[in-house]
Amino acid sequence: MDTRNFVRLVGNLGTDPKVTETRNGKVARFSLATTENYFENGKQVGKTEWHNVVAWNTNADMVADKCTKGSHVVIMGRLASRSYDDKDNIRRYITEVVAEEIICEKRGGQNADRAEC
């Protein structure tokens, strides 16, 4: 059986991308909100999930230049889990979406900007 780690999310940036330099290149980190709408007791209800996203090098530059908080984006990539020790030496675990392709659409109807990487 073939297995594959693939994620496709459509949502809005919850924060402006923050770009930093590492020894592996540039990395942009930001949050992404996705909302699932459904009906409960005859009323429409929305449930928002928040995702941590990282984009590297060219993708980091593009998302930092073209996308801001609230931008509507489509992200395709993979899930990655890692751990780190915080300032109090407590081991923390995090799961992130590593963006391999990003489409950023700034709202504005027919004149909307569309950037792809």
PDB file of N, CA and C in Angstrom:
ATOM      1  N   MET A   1       0.836  -1.180   0.000  1.00  0.00           N
ATOM      2  CA  MET A   1       0.000   0.000   0.000  1.00  0.00           C
ATOM      3  C   MET A   1       0.882   1.245   0.000  1.00  0.00           C
ATOM      4  N   ASP A   2       0.548   2.188  -0.857  1.00  0.00           N
ATOM      5  CA  ASP A   2       1.286   3.451  -0.952  1.00  0.00           C
ATOM      6  C   ASP A   2       0.757   4.414   0.103  1.00  0.00           C
ATOM      7  N   THR A   3       1.649   5.071   0.800  1.00  0.00           N
ATOM      8  CA  THR A   3       1.239   6.073   1.785  1.00  0.00           C
ATOM      9  C   THR A   3       1.862   7.406   1.412  1.00  0.00           C
ATOM     10  N   ARG A   4       1.183   8.468   1.798  1.00  0.00           N
ATOM     11  CA  ARG A   4       1.689   9.799   1.472  1.00  0.00           C
ATOM     12  C   ARG A   4       1.213  10.795   2.513  1.00  0.00           C
ATOM     13  N   ASN A   5       2.089  11.702   2.879  1.00  0.00           N
ATOM     14  CA  ASN A   5       1.795  12.767   3.820  1.00  0.00           C
ATOM     15  C   ASN A   5       1.486  14.014   2.993  1.00  0.00           C
ATOM     16  N   PHE A   6       0.199  14.341   2.849  1.00  0.00           N
ATOM     17  CA  PHE A   6      -0.212  15.467   2.028  1.00  0.00           C
ATOM     18  C   PHE A   6      -1.332  16.223   2.722  1.00  0.00           C
ATOM     19  N   VAL A   7      -1.225  17.557   2.741  1.00  0.00           N
ATOM     20  CA  VAL A   7      -2.223  18.417   3.362  1.00  0.00           C
ATOM     21  C   VAL A   7      -2.575  19.521   2.376  1.00  0.00           C
ATOM     22  N   ARG A   8      -3.879  19.813   2.278  1.00  0.00           N
ATOM     23  CA  ARG A   8      -4.335  20.964   1.496  1.00  0.00           C
ATOM     24  C   ARG A   8      -5.303  21.731   2.385  1.00  0.00           C
ATOM     25  N   LEU A   9      -4.967  22.980   2.661  1.00  0.00           N
ATOM     26  CA  LEU A   9      -5.793  23.828   3.523  1.00  0.00           C
ATOM     27  C   LEU A   9      -6.172  25.097   2.772  1.00  0.00           C
ATOM     28  N   VAL A  10      -7.404  25.538   2.985  1.00  0.00           N
ATOM     29  CA  VAL A  10      -7.891  26.794   2.428  1.00  0.00           C
ATOM     30  C   VAL A  10      -8.397  27.615   3.603  1.00  0.00           C
ATOM     31  N   GLY A  11      -7.813  28.781   3.801  1.00  0.00           N
ATOM     32  CA  GLY A  11      -8.210  29.579   4.953  1.00  0.00           C
ATOM     33  C   GLY A  11      -7.651  30.983   4.888  1.00  0.00           C
ATOM     34  N   ASN A  12      -7.591  31.611   6.059  1.00  0.00           N
ATOM     35  CA  ASN A  12      -7.115  32.990   6.171  1.00  0.00           C
ATOM     36  C   ASN A  12      -5.967  33.076   7.166  1.00  0.00           C
ATOM     37  N   LEU A  13      -4.963  33.892   6.810  1.00  0.00           N
ATOM     38  CA  LEU A  13      -3.848  34.081   7.727  1.00  0.00           C
ATOM     39  C   LEU A  13      -4.331  34.740   9.005  1.00  0.00           C
ATOM     40  N   GLY A  14      -3.934  34.165  10.135  1.00  0.00           N
ATOM     41  CA  GLY A  14      -4.304  34.720  11.428  1.00  0.00           C
ATOM     42  C   GLY A  14      -3.289  35.715  11.931  1.00  0.00           C
ATOM     43  N   THR A  15      -2.096  35.679  11.357  1.00  0.00           N
ATOM     44  CA  THR A  15      -1.022  36.603  11.736  1.00  0.00           C
ATOM     45  C   THR A  15      -0.238  36.975  10.483  1.00  0.00           C
ATOM     46  N   ASP A  16       0.465  38.093  10.539  1.00  0.00           N
ATOM     47  CA  ASP A  16       1.415  38.400   9.483  1.00  0.00           C
ATOM     48  C   ASP A  16       2.547  37.380   9.554  1.00  0.00           C
ATOM     49  N   PRO A  17       3.075  36.928   8.413  1.00  0.00           N
ATOM     50  CA  PRO A  17       4.207  36.002   8.445  1.00  0.00           C
ATOM     51  C   PRO A  17       5.424  36.662   9.099  1.00  0.00           C
ATOM     52  N   LYS A  18       6.103  35.900   9.937  1.00  0.00           N
ATOM     53  CA  LYS A  18       7.339  36.373  10.567  1.00  0.00           C
ATOM     54  C   LYS A  18       8.503  35.577   9.971  1.00  0.00           C
ATOM     55  N   VAL A  19       9.413  36.290   9.315  1.00  0.00           N
ATOM     56  CA  VAL A  19      10.534  35.642   8.637  1.00  0.00           C
ATOM     57  C   VAL A  19      11.787  35.762   9.483  1.00  0.00           C
ATOM     58  N   THR A  20      12.487  34.654   9.628  1.00  0.00           N
ATOM     59  CA  THR A  20      13.778  34.636  10.321  1.00  0.00           C
ATOM     60  C   THR A  20      14.782  33.876   9.468  1.00  0.00           C
ATOM     61  N   GLU A  21      16.037  34.150   9.730  1.00  0.00           N
ATOM     62  CA  GLU A  21      17.129  33.435   9.056  1.00  0.00           C
ATOM     63  C   GLU A  21      17.595  32.304   9.959  1.00  0.00           C
ATOM     64  N   THR A  22      17.816  31.147   9.382  1.00  0.00           N
ATOM     65  CA  THR A  22      18.394  30.011  10.101  1.00  0.00           C
ATOM     66  C   THR A  22      19.586  29.518   9.312  1.00  0.00           C
ATOM     67  N   ARG A  23      20.283  28.561   9.853  1.00  0.00           N
ATOM     68  CA  ARG A  23      21.423  28.020   9.085  1.00  0.00           C
ATOM     69  C   ARG A  23      20.949  27.211   7.885  1.00  0.00           C
ATOM     70  N   ASN A  24      19.646  26.863   7.863  1.00  0.00           N
ATOM     71  CA  ASN A  24      19.068  26.134   6.732  1.00  0.00           C
ATOM     72  C   ASN A  24      18.368  27.050   5.737  1.00  0.00           C
ATOM     73  N   GLY A  25      18.420  28.360   5.954  1.00  0.00           N
ATOM     74  CA  GLY A  25      17.789  29.314   5.055  1.00  0.00           C
ATOM     75  C   GLY A  25      16.729  30.133   5.766  1.00  0.00           C
ATOM     76  N   LYS A  26      15.935  30.843   4.982  1.00  0.00           N
ATOM     77  CA  LYS A  26      14.869  31.674   5.543  1.00  0.00           C
ATOM     78  C   LYS A  26      13.659  30.795   5.865  1.00  0.00           C
ATOM     79  N   VAL A  27      12.979  31.164   6.954  1.00  0.00           N
ATOM     80  CA  VAL A  27      11.740  30.476   7.307  1.00  0.00           C
ATOM     81  C   VAL A  27      10.703  31.523   7.721  1.00  0.00           C
ATOM     82  N   ALA A  28       9.493  31.363   7.182  1.00  0.00           N
ATOM     83  CA  ALA A  28       8.359  32.210   7.563  1.00  0.00           C
ATOM     84  C   ALA A  28       7.410  31.352   8.387  1.00  0.00           C
ATOM     85  N   ARG A  29       6.954  31.907   9.506  1.00  0.00           N
ATOM     86  CA  ARG A  29       6.000  31.214  10.368  1.00  0.00           C
ATOM     87  C   ARG A  29       4.753  32.080  10.491  1.00  0.00           C
ATOM     88  N   PHE A  30       3.582  31.422  10.436  1.00  0.00           N
ATOM     89  CA  PHE A  30       2.322  32.132  10.581  1.00  0.00           C
ATOM     90  C   PHE A  30       1.233  31.139  10.952  1.00  0.00           C
ATOM     91  N   SER A  31       0.116  31.679  11.418  1.00  0.00           N
ATOM     92  CA  SER A  31      -1.029  30.826  11.734  1.00  0.00           C
ATOM     93  C   SER A  31      -2.047  30.944  10.609  1.00  0.00           C
ATOM     94  N   LEU A  32      -2.816  29.883  10.440  1.00  0.00           N
ATOM     95  CA  LEU A  32      -3.849  29.833   9.418  1.00  0.00           C
ATOM     96  C   LEU A  32      -5.145  29.356  10.060  1.00  0.00           C
ATOM     97  N   ALA A  33      -6.231  30.075   9.802  1.00  0.00           N
ATOM     98  CA  ALA A  33      -7.542  29.693  10.323  1.00  0.00           C
ATOM     99  C   ALA A  33      -8.362  29.059   9.211  1.00  0.00           C
ATOM    100  N   THR A  34      -8.916  27.882   9.493  1.00  0.00           N
ATOM    101  CA  THR A  34      -9.865  27.248   8.589  1.00  0.00           C
ATOM    102  C   THR A  34     -11.170  27.079   9.353  1.00  0.00           C
ATOM    103  N   THR A  35     -12.279  27.232   8.666  1.00  0.00           N
ATOM    104  CA  THR A  35     -13.580  27.142   9.326  1.00  0.00           C
ATOM    105  C   THR A  35     -14.456  26.119   8.623  1.00  0.00           C
ATOM    106  N   GLU A  36     -15.003  25.218   9.407  1.00  0.00           N
ATOM    107  CA  GLU A  36     -15.944  24.222   8.908  1.00  0.00           C
ATOM    108  C   GLU A  36     -17.337  24.647   9.362  1.00  0.00           C
ATOM    109  N   ASN A  37     -18.245  24.784   8.425  1.00  0.00           N
ATOM    110  CA  ASN A  37     -19.621  25.163   8.738  1.00  0.00           C
ATOM    111  C   ASN A  37     -20.506  23.927   8.686  1.00  0.00           C
ATOM    112  N   TYR A  38     -21.405  23.817   9.635  1.00  0.00           N
ATOM    113  CA  TYR A  38     -22.348  22.703   9.688  1.00  0.00           C
ATOM    114  C   TYR A  38     -23.606  23.168  10.410  1.00  0.00           C
ATOM    115  N   PHE A  39     -24.651  22.335  10.353  1.00  0.00           N
ATOM    116  CA  PHE A  39     -25.910  22.679  10.996  1.00  0.00           C
ATOM    117  C   PHE A  39     -26.079  21.876  12.272  1.00  0.00           C
ATOM    118  N   GLU A  40     -26.494  22.565  13.315  1.00  0.00           N
ATOM    119  CA  GLU A  40     -26.765  21.936  14.607  1.00  0.00           C
ATOM    120  C   GLU A  40     -28.082  22.498  15.120  1.00  0.00           C
ATOM    121  N   ASN A  41     -29.030  21.620  15.358  1.00  0.00           N
ATOM    122  CA  ASN A  41     -30.364  22.032  15.805  1.00  0.00           C
ATOM    123  C   ASN A  41     -30.983  23.078  14.870  1.00  0.00           C
ATOM    124  N   GLY A  42     -30.781  22.892  13.571  1.00  0.00           N
ATOM    125  CA  GLY A  42     -31.373  23.777  12.582  1.00  0.00           C
ATOM    126  C   GLY A  42     -30.659  25.092  12.371  1.00  0.00           C
ATOM    127  N   LYS A  43     -29.575  25.336  13.093  1.00  0.00           N
ATOM    128  CA  LYS A  43     -28.824  26.589  12.947  1.00  0.00           C
ATOM    129  C   LYS A  43     -27.433  26.292  12.402  1.00  0.00           C
ATOM    130  N   GLN A  44     -26.964  27.193  11.528  1.00  0.00           N
ATOM    131  CA  GLN A  44     -25.623  27.032  10.995  1.00  0.00           C
ATOM    132  C   GLN A  44     -24.602  27.445  12.047  1.00  0.00           C
ATOM    133  N   VAL A  45     -23.625  26.573  12.242  1.00  0.00           N
ATOM    134  CA  VAL A  45     -22.574  26.798  13.222  1.00  0.00           C
ATOM    135  C   VAL A  45     -21.225  26.679  12.506  1.00  0.00           C
ATOM    136  N   GLY A  46     -20.282  27.498  12.902  1.00  0.00           N
ATOM    137  CA  GLY A  46     -18.937  27.414  12.336  1.00  0.00           C
ATOM    138  C   GLY A  46     -17.926  27.034  13.400  1.00  0.00           C
ATOM    139  N   LYS A  47     -17.036  26.126  13.058  1.00  0.00           N
ATOM    140  CA  LYS A  47     -15.973  25.726  13.980  1.00  0.00           C
ATOM    141  C   LYS A  47     -14.638  26.069  13.325  1.00  0.00           C
ATOM    142  N   THR A  48     -13.872  26.919  13.976  1.00  0.00           N
ATOM    143  CA  THR A  48     -12.586  27.353  13.432  1.00  0.00           C
ATOM    144  C   THR A  48     -11.454  26.553  14.047  1.00  0.00           C
ATOM    145  N   GLU A  49     -10.564  26.058  13.186  1.00  0.00           N
ATOM    146  CA  GLU A  49      -9.349  25.369  13.606  1.00  0.00           C
ATOM    147  C   GLU A  49      -8.167  26.274  13.262  1.00  0.00           C
ATOM    148  N   TRP A  50      -7.162  26.268  14.135  1.00  0.00           N
ATOM    149  CA  TRP A  50      -5.955  27.064  13.908  1.00  0.00           C
ATOM    150  C   TRP A  50      -4.791  26.126  13.617  1.00  0.00           C
ATOM    151  N   HIS A  51      -4.018  26.458  12.588  1.00  0.00           N
ATOM    152  CA  HIS A  51      -2.901  25.626  12.139  1.00  0.00           C
ATOM    153  C   HIS A  51      -1.617  26.451  12.167  1.00  0.00           C
ATOM    154  N   ASN A  52      -0.536  25.846  12.617  1.00  0.00           N
ATOM    155  CA  ASN A  52       0.787  26.469  12.553  1.00  0.00           C
ATOM    156  C   ASN A  52       1.402  26.091  11.206  1.00  0.00           C
ATOM    157  N   VAL A  53       1.862  27.105  10.461  1.00  0.00           N
ATOM    158  CA  VAL A  53       2.413  26.876   9.127  1.00  0.00           C
ATOM    159  C   VAL A  53       3.825  27.421   9.068  1.00  0.00           C
ATOM    160  N   VAL A  54       4.708  26.685   8.383  1.00  0.00           N
ATOM    161  CA  VAL A  54       6.066  27.160   8.110  1.00  0.00           C
ATOM    162  C   VAL A  54       6.306  27.082   6.605  1.00  0.00           C
ATOM    163  N   ALA A  55       7.003  28.069   6.093  1.00  0.00           N
ATOM    164  CA  ALA A  55       7.375  28.105   4.678  1.00  0.00           C
ATOM    165  C   ALA A  55       8.854  28.445   4.604  1.00  0.00           C
ATOM    166  N   TRP A  56       9.583  27.747   3.737  1.00  0.00           N
ATOM    167  CA  TRP A  56      11.025  27.909   3.655  1.00  0.00           C
ATOM    168  C   TRP A  56      11.453  28.643   2.389  1.00  0.00           C
ATOM    169  N   ASN A  57      12.538  29.384   2.481  1.00  0.00           N
ATOM    170  CA  ASN A  57      13.262  30.020   1.387  1.00  0.00           C
ATOM    171  C   ASN A  57      12.373  30.788   0.419  1.00  0.00           C
ATOM    172  N   THR A  58      12.199  30.330  -0.823  1.00  0.00           N
ATOM    173  CA  THR A  58      11.405  31.061  -1.816  1.00  0.00           C
ATOM    174  C   THR A  58       9.970  31.237  -1.343  1.00  0.00           C
ATOM    175  N   ASN A  59       9.396  30.185  -0.765  1.00  0.00           N
ATOM    176  CA  ASN A  59       8.032  30.284  -0.243  1.00  0.00           C
ATOM    177  C   ASN A  59       7.963  31.295   0.904  1.00  0.00           C
ATOM    178  N   ALA A  60       8.995  31.336   1.729  1.00  0.00           N
ATOM    179  CA  ALA A  60       9.040  32.292   2.846  1.00  0.00           C
ATOM    180  C   ALA A  60       9.051  33.721   2.312  1.00  0.00           C
ATOM    181  N   ASP A  61       9.871  33.983   1.302  1.00  0.00           N
ATOM    182  CA  ASP A  61       9.929  35.321   0.709  1.00  0.00           C
ATOM    183  C   ASP A  61       8.586  35.717   0.107  1.00  0.00           C
ATOM    184  N   MET A  62       7.972  34.809  -0.642  1.00  0.00           N
ATOM    185  CA  MET A  62       6.712  35.112  -1.316  1.00  0.00           C
ATOM    186  C   MET A  62       5.605  35.409  -0.311  1.00  0.00           C
ATOM    187  N   VAL A  63       5.458  34.551   0.685  1.00  0.00           N
ATOM    188  CA  VAL A  63       4.362  34.745   1.633  1.00  0.00           C
ATOM    189  C   VAL A  63       4.577  36.024   2.451  1.00  0.00           C
ATOM    190  N   ALA A  64       5.823  36.348   2.760  1.00  0.00           N
ATOM    191  CA  ALA A  64       6.106  37.579   3.505  1.00  0.00           C
ATOM    192  C   ALA A  64       5.840  38.820   2.653  1.00  0.00           C
ATOM    193  N   ASP A  65       6.108  38.737   1.349  1.00  0.00           N
ATOM    194  CA  ASP A  65       5.917  39.884   0.462  1.00  0.00           C
ATOM    195  C   ASP A  65       4.458  40.079   0.042  1.00  0.00           C
ATOM    196  N   LYS A  66       3.717  38.999  -0.126  1.00  0.00           N
ATOM    197  CA  LYS A  66       2.397  39.074  -0.744  1.00  0.00           C
ATOM    198  C   LYS A  66       1.228  38.861   0.203  1.00  0.00           C
ATOM    199  N   CYS A  67       1.466  38.280   1.369  1.00  0.00           N
ATOM    200  CA  CYS A  67       0.355  37.912   2.252  1.00  0.00           C
ATOM    201  C   CYS A  67       0.458  38.637   3.588  1.00  0.00           C
ATOM    202  N   THR A  68      -0.676  39.036   4.109  1.00  0.00           N
ATOM    203  CA  THR A  68      -0.747  39.673   5.422  1.00  0.00           C
ATOM    204  C   THR A  68      -1.900  39.045   6.205  1.00  0.00           C
ATOM    205  N   LYS A  69      -1.987  39.393   7.458  1.00  0.00           N
ATOM    206  CA  LYS A  69      -3.074  38.905   8.297  1.00  0.00           C
ATOM    207  C   LYS A  69      -4.401  39.116   7.576  1.00  0.00           C
ATOM    208  N   GLY A  70      -5.210  38.059   7.507  1.00  0.00           N
ATOM    209  CA  GLY A  70      -6.492  38.133   6.829  1.00  0.00           C
ATOM    210  C   GLY A  70      -6.472  37.672   5.384  1.00  0.00           C
ATOM    211  N   SER A  71      -5.281  37.561   4.769  1.00  0.00           N
ATOM    212  CA  SER A  71      -5.196  37.114   3.382  1.00  0.00           C
ATOM    213  C   SER A  71      -5.795  35.726   3.229  1.00  0.00           C
ATOM    214  N   HIS A  72      -6.514  35.526   2.135  1.00  0.00           N
ATOM    215  CA  HIS A  72      -7.098  34.223   1.816  1.00  0.00           C
ATOM    216  C   HIS A  72      -6.028  33.412   1.079  1.00  0.00           C
ATOM    217  N   VAL A  73      -5.713  32.229   1.580  1.00  0.00           N
ATOM    218  CA  VAL A  73      -4.649  31.427   0.983  1.00  0.00           C
ATOM    219  C   VAL A  73      -5.077  29.973   0.802  1.00  0.00           C
ATOM    220  N   VAL A  74      -4.422  29.334  -0.161  1.00  0.00           N
ATOM    221  CA  VAL A  74      -4.500  27.888  -0.347  1.00  0.00           C
ATOM    222  C   VAL A  74      -3.087  27.385  -0.116  1.00  0.00           C
ATOM    223  N   ILE A  75      -2.948  26.418   0.785  1.00  0.00           N
ATOM    224  CA  ILE A  75      -1.632  25.875   1.109  1.00  0.00           C
ATOM    225  C   ILE A  75      -1.640  24.381   0.859  1.00  0.00           C
ATOM    226  N   MET A  76      -0.635  23.921   0.127  1.00  0.00           N
ATOM    227  CA  MET A  76      -0.436  22.491  -0.072  1.00  0.00           C
ATOM    228  C   MET A  76       0.932  22.146   0.478  1.00  0.00           C
ATOM    229  N   GLY A  77       0.990  21.076   1.233  1.00  0.00           N
ATOM    230  CA  GLY A  77       2.256  20.702   1.841  1.00  0.00           C
ATOM    231  C   GLY A  77       2.145  19.395   2.590  1.00  0.00           C
ATOM    232  N   ARG A  78       2.841  19.327   3.710  1.00  0.00           N
ATOM    233  CA  ARG A  78       2.875  18.091   4.499  1.00  0.00           C
ATOM    234  C   ARG A  78       2.887  18.434   5.974  1.00  0.00           C
ATOM    235  N   LEU A  79       2.485  17.472   6.801  1.00  0.00           N
ATOM    236  CA  LEU A  79       2.554  17.632   8.248  1.00  0.00           C
ATOM    237  C   LEU A  79       3.924  17.217   8.745  1.00  0.00           C
ATOM    238  N   ALA A  80       4.431  17.951   9.708  1.00  0.00           N
ATOM    239  CA  ALA A  80       5.705  17.607  10.344  1.00  0.00           C
ATOM    240  C   ALA A  80       5.581  17.851  11.842  1.00  0.00           C
ATOM    241  N   SER A  81       6.082  16.918  12.620  1.00  0.00           N
ATOM    242  CA  SER A  81       6.075  17.062  14.078  1.00  0.00           C
ATOM    243  C   SER A  81       7.502  17.210  14.560  1.00  0.00           C
ATOM    244  N   ARG A  82       7.676  18.004  15.597  1.00  0.00           N
ATOM    245  CA  ARG A  82       9.008  18.191  16.173  1.00  0.00           C
ATOM    246  C   ARG A  82       8.858  18.505  17.650  1.00  0.00           C
ATOM    247  N   SER A  83       9.963  18.461  18.354  1.00  0.00           N
ATOM    248  CA  SER A  83       9.955  18.833  19.765  1.00  0.00           C
ATOM    249  C   SER A  83      11.078  19.828  20.009  1.00  0.00           C
ATOM    250  N   TYR A  84      10.929  20.578  21.087  1.00  0.00           N
ATOM    251  CA  TYR A  84      11.962  21.533  21.481  1.00  0.00           C
ATOM    252  C   TYR A  84      11.847  21.738  22.983  1.00  0.00           C
ATOM    253  N   ASP A  85      12.902  22.259  23.576  1.00  0.00           N
ATOM    254  CA  ASP A  85      12.890  22.585  24.998  1.00  0.00           C
ATOM    255  C   ASP A  85      12.652  24.078  25.146  1.00  0.00           C
ATOM    256  N   ASP A  86      11.650  24.441  25.943  1.00  0.00           N
ATOM    257  CA  ASP A  86      11.339  25.862  26.124  1.00  0.00           C
ATOM    258  C   ASP A  86      12.328  26.499  27.098  1.00  0.00           C
ATOM    259  N   LYS A  87      12.098  27.770  27.412  1.00  0.00           N
ATOM    260  CA  LYS A  87      13.044  28.507  28.264  1.00  0.00           C
ATOM    261  C   LYS A  87      13.165  27.924  29.662  1.00  0.00           C
ATOM    262  N   ASP A  88      12.160  27.139  30.095  1.00  0.00           N
ATOM    263  CA  ASP A  88      12.206  26.493  31.413  1.00  0.00           C
ATOM    264  C   ASP A  88      12.669  25.036  31.314  1.00  0.00           C
ATOM    265  N   ASN A  89      13.253  24.680  30.175  1.00  0.00           N
ATOM    266  CA  ASN A  89      13.730  23.321  29.901  1.00  0.00           C
ATOM    267  C   ASN A  89      12.632  22.267  29.958  1.00  0.00           C
ATOM    268  N   ILE A  90      11.425  22.655  29.578  1.00  0.00           N
ATOM    269  CA  ILE A  90      10.314  21.717  29.474  1.00  0.00           C
ATOM    270  C   ILE A  90      10.185  21.313  28.014  1.00  0.00           C
ATOM    271  N   ARG A  91      10.126  20.015  27.765  1.00  0.00           N
ATOM    272  CA  ARG A  91      10.012  19.507  26.397  1.00  0.00           C
ATOM    273  C   ARG A  91       8.618  19.813  25.856  1.00  0.00           C
ATOM    274  N   ARG A  92       8.552  20.477  24.703  1.00  0.00           N
ATOM    275  CA  ARG A  92       7.302  20.832  24.039  1.00  0.00           C
ATOM    276  C   ARG A  92       7.246  20.127  22.692  1.00  0.00           C
ATOM    277  N   TYR A  93       6.057  19.755  22.282  1.00  0.00           N
ATOM    278  CA  TYR A  93       5.844  19.093  21.000  1.00  0.00           C
ATOM    279  C   TYR A  93       4.916  19.947  20.151  1.00  0.00           C
ATOM    280  N   ILE A  94       5.193  19.985  18.867  1.00  0.00           N
ATOM    281  CA  ILE A  94       4.383  20.800  17.965  1.00  0.00           C
ATOM    282  C   ILE A  94       4.243  20.067  16.631  1.00  0.00           C
ATOM    283  N   THR A  95       3.064  20.208  16.048  1.00  0.00           N
ATOM    284  CA  THR A  95       2.820  19.716  14.695  1.00  0.00           C
ATOM    285  C   THR A  95       2.575  20.930  13.816  1.00  0.00           C
ATOM    286  N   GLU A  96       3.265  20.984  12.689  1.00  0.00           N
ATOM    287  CA  GLU A  96       3.178  22.127  11.782  1.00  0.00           C
ATOM    288  C   GLU A  96       2.862  21.645  10.375  1.00  0.00           C
ATOM    289  N   VAL A  97       2.302  22.538   9.586  1.00  0.00           N
ATOM    290  CA  VAL A  97       2.138  22.301   8.160  1.00  0.00           C
ATOM    291  C   VAL A  97       3.343  22.933   7.475  1.00  0.00           C
ATOM    292  N   VAL A  98       4.107  22.134   6.758  1.00  0.00           N
ATOM    293  CA  VAL A  98       5.235  22.652   5.984  1.00  0.00           C
ATOM    294  C   VAL A  98       4.699  22.948   4.586  1.00  0.00           C
ATOM    295  N   ALA A  99       4.605  24.233   4.255  1.00  0.00           N
ATOM    296  CA  ALA A  99       4.020  24.658   2.987  1.00  0.00           C
ATOM    297  C   ALA A  99       4.997  24.414   1.849  1.00  0.00           C
ATOM    298  N   GLU A 100       4.557  23.659   0.865  1.00  0.00           N
ATOM    299  CA  GLU A 100       5.371  23.415  -0.324  1.00  0.00           C
ATOM    300  C   GLU A 100       4.862  24.199  -1.524  1.00  0.00           C
ATOM    301  N   GLU A 101       3.576  24.584  -1.464  1.00  0.00           N
ATOM    302  CA  GLU A 101       2.986  25.438  -2.492  1.00  0.00           C
ATOM    303  C   GLU A 101       1.979  26.353  -1.809  1.00  0.00           C
ATOM    304  N   ILE A 102       2.031  27.647  -2.146  1.00  0.00           N
ATOM    305  CA  ILE A 102       1.156  28.639  -1.525  1.00  0.00           C
ATOM    306  C   ILE A 102       0.530  29.498  -2.613  1.00  0.00           C
ATOM    307  N   ILE A 103      -0.779  29.666  -2.520  1.00  0.00           N
ATOM    308  CA  ILE A 103      -1.489  30.604  -3.385  1.00  0.00           C
ATOM    309  C   ILE A 103      -2.126  31.627  -2.451  1.00  0.00           C
ATOM    310  N   CYS A 104      -1.746  32.877  -2.623  1.00  0.00           N
ATOM    311  CA  CYS A 104      -2.238  33.950  -1.758  1.00  0.00           C
ATOM    312  C   CYS A 104      -3.121  34.873  -2.590  1.00  0.00           C
ATOM    313  N   GLU A 105      -4.373  34.998  -2.159  1.00  0.00           N
ATOM    314  CA  GLU A 105      -5.317  35.854  -2.857  1.00  0.00           C
ATOM    315  C   GLU A 105      -5.752  36.966  -1.923  1.00  0.00           C
ATOM    316  N   LYS A 106      -5.322  38.172  -2.217  1.00  0.00           N
ATOM    317  CA  LYS A 106      -5.775  39.315  -1.415  1.00  0.00           C
ATOM    318  C   LYS A 106      -7.175  39.650  -1.868  1.00  0.00           C
ATOM    319  N   ARG A 107      -8.052  39.873  -0.933  1.00  0.00           N
ATOM    320  CA  ARG A 107      -9.447  40.125  -1.270  1.00  0.00           C
ATOM    321  C   ARG A 107      -9.585  41.440  -2.007  1.00  0.00           C
ATOM    322  N   GLY A 108     -10.562  41.469  -2.900  1.00  0.00           N
ATOM    323  CA  GLY A 108     -10.783  42.701  -3.647  1.00  0.00           C
ATOM    324  C   GLY A 108     -11.514  42.461  -4.949  1.00  0.00           C
ATOM    325  N   GLY A 109     -12.210  41.352  -5.069  1.00  0.00           N
ATOM    326  CA  GLY A 109     -13.000  41.087  -6.264  1.00  0.00           C
ATOM    327  C   GLY A 109     -12.146  40.843  -7.486  1.00  0.00           C
ATOM    328  N   GLN A 110     -12.520  41.471  -8.601  1.00  0.00           N
ATOM    329  CA  GLN A 110     -11.842  41.219  -9.867  1.00  0.00           C
ATOM    330  C   GLN A 110     -10.404  41.712  -9.866  1.00  0.00           C
ATOM    331  N   ASN A 111     -10.072  42.670  -9.025  1.00  0.00           N
ATOM    332  CA  ASN A 111      -8.718  43.210  -8.988  1.00  0.00           C
ATOM    333  C   ASN A 111      -7.863  42.537  -7.921  1.00  0.00           C
ATOM    334  N   ALA A 112      -8.282  41.393  -7.440  1.00  0.00           N
ATOM    335  CA  ALA A 112      -7.546  40.717  -6.377  1.00  0.00           C
ATOM    336  C   ALA A 112      -6.166  40.293  -6.868  1.00  0.00           C
ATOM    337  N   ASP A 113      -5.171  40.449  -6.019  1.00  0.00           N
ATOM    338  CA  ASP A 113      -3.824  39.990  -6.334  1.00  0.00           C
ATOM    339  C   ASP A 113      -3.760  38.493  -6.095  1.00  0.00           C
ATOM    340  N   ARG A 114      -3.037  37.800  -6.949  1.00  0.00           N
ATOM    341  CA  ARG A 114      -2.849  36.364  -6.774  1.00  0.00           C
ATOM    342  C   ARG A 114      -1.368  36.085  -6.943  1.00  0.00           C
ATOM    343  N   ALA A 115      -0.773  35.535  -5.900  1.00  0.00           N
ATOM    344  CA  ALA A 115       0.643  35.208  -5.934  1.00  0.00           C
ATOM    345  C   ALA A 115       0.776  33.716  -5.702  1.00  0.00           C
ATOM    346  N   GLU A 116       1.605  33.084  -6.505  1.00  0.00           N
ATOM    347  CA  GLU A 116       1.784  31.645  -6.393  1.00  0.00           C
ATOM    348  C   GLU A 116       3.257  31.322  -6.270  1.00  0.00           C
ATOM    349  N   CYS A 117       3.537  30.337  -5.477  1.00  0.00           N
ATOM    350  CA  CYS A 117       4.917  29.901  -5.325  1.00  0.00           C
ATOM    351  C   CYS A 117       4.925  28.404  -5.213  1.00  0.00           C
TER     352      CYS A 117
END
